[in-house]
Each structure stands twice: as structure tokens, then as C-alpha cells.
C-alpha atoms as a PDB file:
ATOM      1  CA  GLN A   1       0.000   0.000   0.000  1.00  0.00           C
ATOM      2  CA  VAL A   2       1.423   3.352  -1.060  1.00  0.00           C
ATOM      3  CA  GLN A   3       0.809   6.452   1.010  1.00  0.00           C
ATOM      4  CA  LEU A   4       1.386  10.001  -0.180  1.00  0.00           C
ATOM      5  CA  VAL A   5       1.576  12.767   2.404  1.00  0.00           C
ATOM      6  CA  GLU A   6       1.670  16.410   1.389  1.00  0.00           C
ATOM      7  CA  SER A   7       3.017  19.255   3.486  1.00  0.00           C
ATOM      8  CA  GLY A   8       4.139  22.836   3.130  1.00  0.00           C
ATOM      9  CA  GLY A   9       0.856  24.589   2.494  1.00  0.00           C
ATOM     10  CA  GLY A  10      -0.214  27.706   4.326  1.00  0.00           C
ATOM     11  CA  LEU A  11      -1.271  31.314   4.070  1.00  0.00           C
ATOM     12  CA  VAL A  12       0.884  33.650   1.999  1.00  0.00           C
ATOM     13  CA  GLN A  13       0.508  37.096   0.503  1.00  0.00           C
ATOM     14  CA  ALA A  14       0.288  37.595  -3.228  1.00  0.00           C
ATOM     15  CA  GLY A  15       3.759  37.585  -4.744  1.00  0.00           C
ATOM     16  CA  GLY A  16       5.080  35.239  -2.094  1.00  0.00           C
ATOM     17  CA  SER A  17       6.426  31.708  -2.344  1.00  0.00           C
ATOM     18  CA  LEU A  18       5.736  28.296  -0.910  1.00  0.00           C
ATOM     19  CA  ARG A  19       7.320  24.887  -1.390  1.00  0.00           C
ATOM     20  CA  LEU A  20       5.064  21.861  -1.179  1.00  0.00           C
ATOM     21  CA  SER A  21       6.407  18.403  -0.439  1.00  0.00           C
ATOM     22  CA  CYS A  22       4.899  15.006  -1.181  1.00  0.00           C
ATOM     23  CA  ALA A  23       6.510  12.191   0.760  1.00  0.00           C
ATOM     24  CA  ALA A  24       5.788   8.661  -0.422  1.00  0.00           C
ATOM     25  CA  SER A  25       5.920   5.549   1.719  1.00  0.00           C
ATOM     26  CA  GLY A  26       5.229   1.893   0.993  1.00  0.00           C
ATOM     27  CA  SER A  27       7.000   1.902  -2.368  1.00  0.00           C
ATOM     28  CA  SER A  28       9.732   3.794  -4.167  1.00  0.00           C
ATOM     29  CA  ILE A  29       8.831   6.653  -6.496  1.00  0.00           C
ATOM     30  CA  ARG A  30      11.766   5.699  -8.702  1.00  0.00           C
ATOM     31  CA  GLY A  31      10.397   5.006 -12.161  1.00  0.00           C
ATOM     32  CA  ILE A  32       7.001   6.501 -11.271  1.00  0.00           C
ATOM     33  CA  ALA A  33       5.445   9.529 -12.941  1.00  0.00           C
ATOM     34  CA  MET A  34       4.190  11.929 -10.280  1.00  0.00           C
ATOM     35  CA  GLY A  35       1.986  14.974 -10.363  1.00  0.00           C
ATOM     36  CA  TRP A  36       0.448  17.837  -8.466  1.00  0.00           C
ATOM     37  CA  TYR A  37      -3.207  18.750  -8.855  1.00  0.00           C
ATOM     38  CA  ARG A  38      -5.342  21.365  -7.156  1.00  0.00           C
ATOM     39  CA  GLN A  39      -8.993  21.927  -6.388  1.00  0.00           C
ATOM     40  CA  ALA A  40     -10.457  25.299  -5.519  1.00  0.00           C
ATOM     41  CA  PRO A  41     -13.865  25.617  -3.807  1.00  0.00           C
ATOM     42  CA  GLY A  42     -16.676  24.971  -6.254  1.00  0.00           C
ATOM     43  CA  LYS A  43     -14.283  23.958  -9.035  1.00  0.00           C
ATOM     44  CA  GLN A  44     -13.096  20.697 -10.503  1.00  0.00           C
ATOM     45  CA  ARG A  45      -9.693  19.277  -9.703  1.00  0.00           C
ATOM     46  CA  GLU A  46      -7.143  20.471 -12.247  1.00  0.00           C
ATOM     47  CA  LEU A  47      -3.642  19.482 -13.265  1.00  0.00           C
ATOM     48  CA  VAL A  48      -0.873  21.755 -12.002  1.00  0.00           C
ATOM     49  CA  ALA A  49       2.310  19.937 -12.972  1.00  0.00           C
ATOM     50  CA  THR A  50       3.666  16.482 -13.708  1.00  0.00           C
ATOM     51  CA  ILE A  51       7.106  14.940 -13.807  1.00  0.00           C
ATOM     52  CA  THR A  52       8.065  11.679 -15.446  1.00  0.00           C
ATOM     53  CA  SER A  53      10.581   9.203 -14.105  1.00  0.00           C
ATOM     54  CA  GLY A  54      12.966  10.719 -16.599  1.00  0.00           C
ATOM     55  CA  ILE A  55      12.381  14.219 -15.124  1.00  0.00           C
ATOM     56  CA  ILE A  56      10.434  15.519 -18.106  1.00  0.00           C
ATOM     57  CA  THR A  57       8.034  18.114 -16.750  1.00  0.00           C
ATOM     58  CA  ASN A  58       4.685  19.475 -17.856  1.00  0.00           C
ATOM     59  CA  TYR A  59       2.790  22.477 -16.479  1.00  0.00           C
ATOM     60  CA  ALA A  60      -0.620  24.033 -16.691  1.00  0.00           C
ATOM     61  CA  ASP A  61      -0.482  27.278 -18.661  1.00  0.00           C
ATOM     62  CA  SER A  62      -1.636  29.202 -15.615  1.00  0.00           C
ATOM     63  CA  VAL A  63       1.488  28.266 -13.617  1.00  0.00           C
ATOM     64  CA  LYS A  64       4.186  28.155 -16.298  1.00  0.00           C
ATOM     65  CA  GLY A  65       7.167  30.277 -15.354  1.00  0.00           C
ATOM     66  CA  ARG A  66       6.058  30.486 -11.717  1.00  0.00           C
ATOM     67  CA  PHE A  67       5.920  26.888 -10.474  1.00  0.00           C
ATOM     68  CA  THR A  68       8.593  24.191 -10.649  1.00  0.00           C
ATOM     69  CA  ILE A  69       8.080  20.500 -10.008  1.00  0.00           C
ATOM     70  CA  PHE A  70      11.073  18.370  -9.099  1.00  0.00           C
ATOM     71  CA  ARG A  71      11.822  15.080  -7.406  1.00  0.00           C
ATOM     72  CA  ASP A  72      14.369  13.555  -5.051  1.00  0.00           C
ATOM     73  CA  ASN A  73      14.178   9.797  -5.511  1.00  0.00           C
ATOM     74  CA  ALA A  74      16.636   9.228  -2.655  1.00  0.00           C
ATOM     75  CA  LYS A  75      14.205  10.967  -0.289  1.00  0.00           C
ATOM     76  CA  ASN A  76      11.177   9.413  -1.998  1.00  0.00           C
ATOM     77  CA  THR A  77       9.719  12.897  -2.270  1.00  0.00           C
ATOM     78  CA  VAL A  78       8.302  15.142  -4.965  1.00  0.00           C
ATOM     79  CA  TYR A  79       8.221  18.904  -4.576  1.00  0.00           C
ATOM     80  CA  LEU A  80       6.362  21.848  -6.001  1.00  0.00           C
ATOM     81  CA  GLN A  81       8.113  25.190  -5.741  1.00  0.00           C
ATOM     82  CA  MET A  82       5.563  27.968  -6.135  1.00  0.00           C
ATOM     83  CA  ASN A  83       6.734  31.526  -6.739  1.00  0.00           C
ATOM     84  CA  SER A  84       4.908  34.754  -7.549  1.00  0.00           C
ATOM     85  CA  LEU A  85       1.752  33.341  -6.039  1.00  0.00           C
ATOM     86  CA  LYS A  86      -1.589  34.844  -6.988  1.00  0.00           C
ATOM     87  CA  PRO A  87      -4.950  34.768  -5.170  1.00  0.00           C
ATOM     88  CA  GLU A  88      -6.257  32.491  -7.926  1.00  0.00           C
ATOM     89  CA  ASP A  89      -3.702  29.870  -6.859  1.00  0.00           C
ATOM     90  CA  THR A  90      -5.722  29.376  -3.674  1.00  0.00           C
ATOM     91  CA  ALA A  91      -6.771  25.709  -3.539  1.00  0.00           C
ATOM     92  CA  VAL A  92      -6.160  22.367  -1.906  1.00  0.00           C
ATOM     93  CA  TYR A  93      -3.109  20.844  -3.562  1.00  0.00           C
ATOM     94  CA  HIS A  94      -2.948  17.092  -3.985  1.00  0.00           C
ATOM     95  CA  CYS A  95      -0.075  14.817  -4.901  1.00  0.00           C
ATOM     96  CA  ASN A  96      -0.648  11.909  -7.276  1.00  0.00           C
ATOM     97  CA  GLY A  97       1.256   8.878  -8.468  1.00  0.00           C
ATOM     98  CA  VAL A  98       0.366   5.811 -10.499  1.00  0.00           C
ATOM     99  CA  TRP A  99       1.967   2.490  -9.636  1.00  0.00           C
ATOM    100  CA  TYR A 100       1.659  -0.858 -11.385  1.00  0.00           C
ATOM    101  CA  PHE A 101       1.754  -3.981  -9.235  1.00  0.00           C
ATOM    102  CA  VAL A 102       1.497  -7.388 -10.941  1.00  0.00           C
ATOM    103  CA  GLY A 103       0.226  -5.651 -14.073  1.00  0.00           C
ATOM    104  CA  LYS A 104      -2.576  -3.840 -12.248  1.00  0.00           C
ATOM    105  CA  LYS A 105      -2.806  -0.061 -12.131  1.00  0.00           C
ATOM    106  CA  TYR A 106      -3.062   1.688  -8.768  1.00  0.00           C
ATOM    107  CA  ASP A 107      -3.779   5.427  -8.662  1.00  0.00           C
ATOM    108  CA  TYR A 108      -2.742   6.991  -5.357  1.00  0.00           C
ATOM    109  CA  TRP A 109      -3.620  10.425  -3.995  1.00  0.00           C
ATOM    110  CA  GLY A 110      -2.533  12.323  -0.931  1.00  0.00           C
ATOM    111  CA  GLN A 111      -4.984  13.971   1.441  1.00  0.00           C
ATOM    112  CA  GLY A 112      -4.050  17.436   0.223  1.00  0.00           C
ATOM    113  CA  THR A 113      -2.543  20.571   1.684  1.00  0.00           C
ATOM    114  CA  GLN A 114      -4.299  23.933   1.722  1.00  0.00           C
ATOM    115  CA  VAL A 115      -2.690  26.896  -0.009  1.00  0.00           C
ATOM    116  CA  THR A 116      -4.282  30.292   0.563  1.00  0.00           C
ATOM    117  CA  VAL A 117      -2.985  33.396  -1.187  1.00  0.00           C
ATOM    118  CA  SER A 118      -4.229  36.729   0.110  1.00  0.00           C
ATOM    119  CA  SER A 119      -4.401  39.842  -2.054  1.00  0.00           C
END
């Protein structure tokens, strides 16, 4: 059983920065594509950023140039560095990873960490 635990959220003023962490336990993230998603009140969950096992990254247009996703396989952790934060970045941020065990796909999510950006 894989567990993903996010941390690092909080309240920050517009223009500020936060770094989110997603620590995995139960299995290594090596070779696993990981991602960050967010859900604002009354809105659907949306993709923020993904990173492949080969460190190829992909970002939502709304965060390009401001957010950076990176991974430390030795620490079994994925990060999201968020700079130049805007009030519209306010949401619960969730970590995601997809593992395959004995040919079966398992989609794991963390419980989320709240990010609130004040204007």
C-alpha cells in the first residue's frame, strides 16, 4: 500500500512563495510519474504539474514560469516550488502517483494541503 503525504501549504501574501512536499511511503517513487493537482472551492480538480521518471516536466499554462516540479528519488519525495503566487492559486493541492503492481494499475492520492494566497 502506497501512502502520499503532502506538506508545506499555508497562508501567503500575493507575490510570495511556498514549497510543497509530497513524501511517499510503501513503495519507491523511482520510475514513477508523479503529479500535483489542485482543487479550488466549487471547481473541478485540475492538473498543475507532472514529472516523469525521466524528469520531463509538464505544467498548466496558468502556472508556467512560476511553479517548478522536481523530485528527489533518494528521499522518496516530490516537490512543487511555487513563486509569484496569486490569489487564484488558492486551492487544496494534492499529490498523485500511479503504480503498477502485478500488471494492475493503482492510482494513489494524498490527502491534500491547503494553499491560501491573500491579495
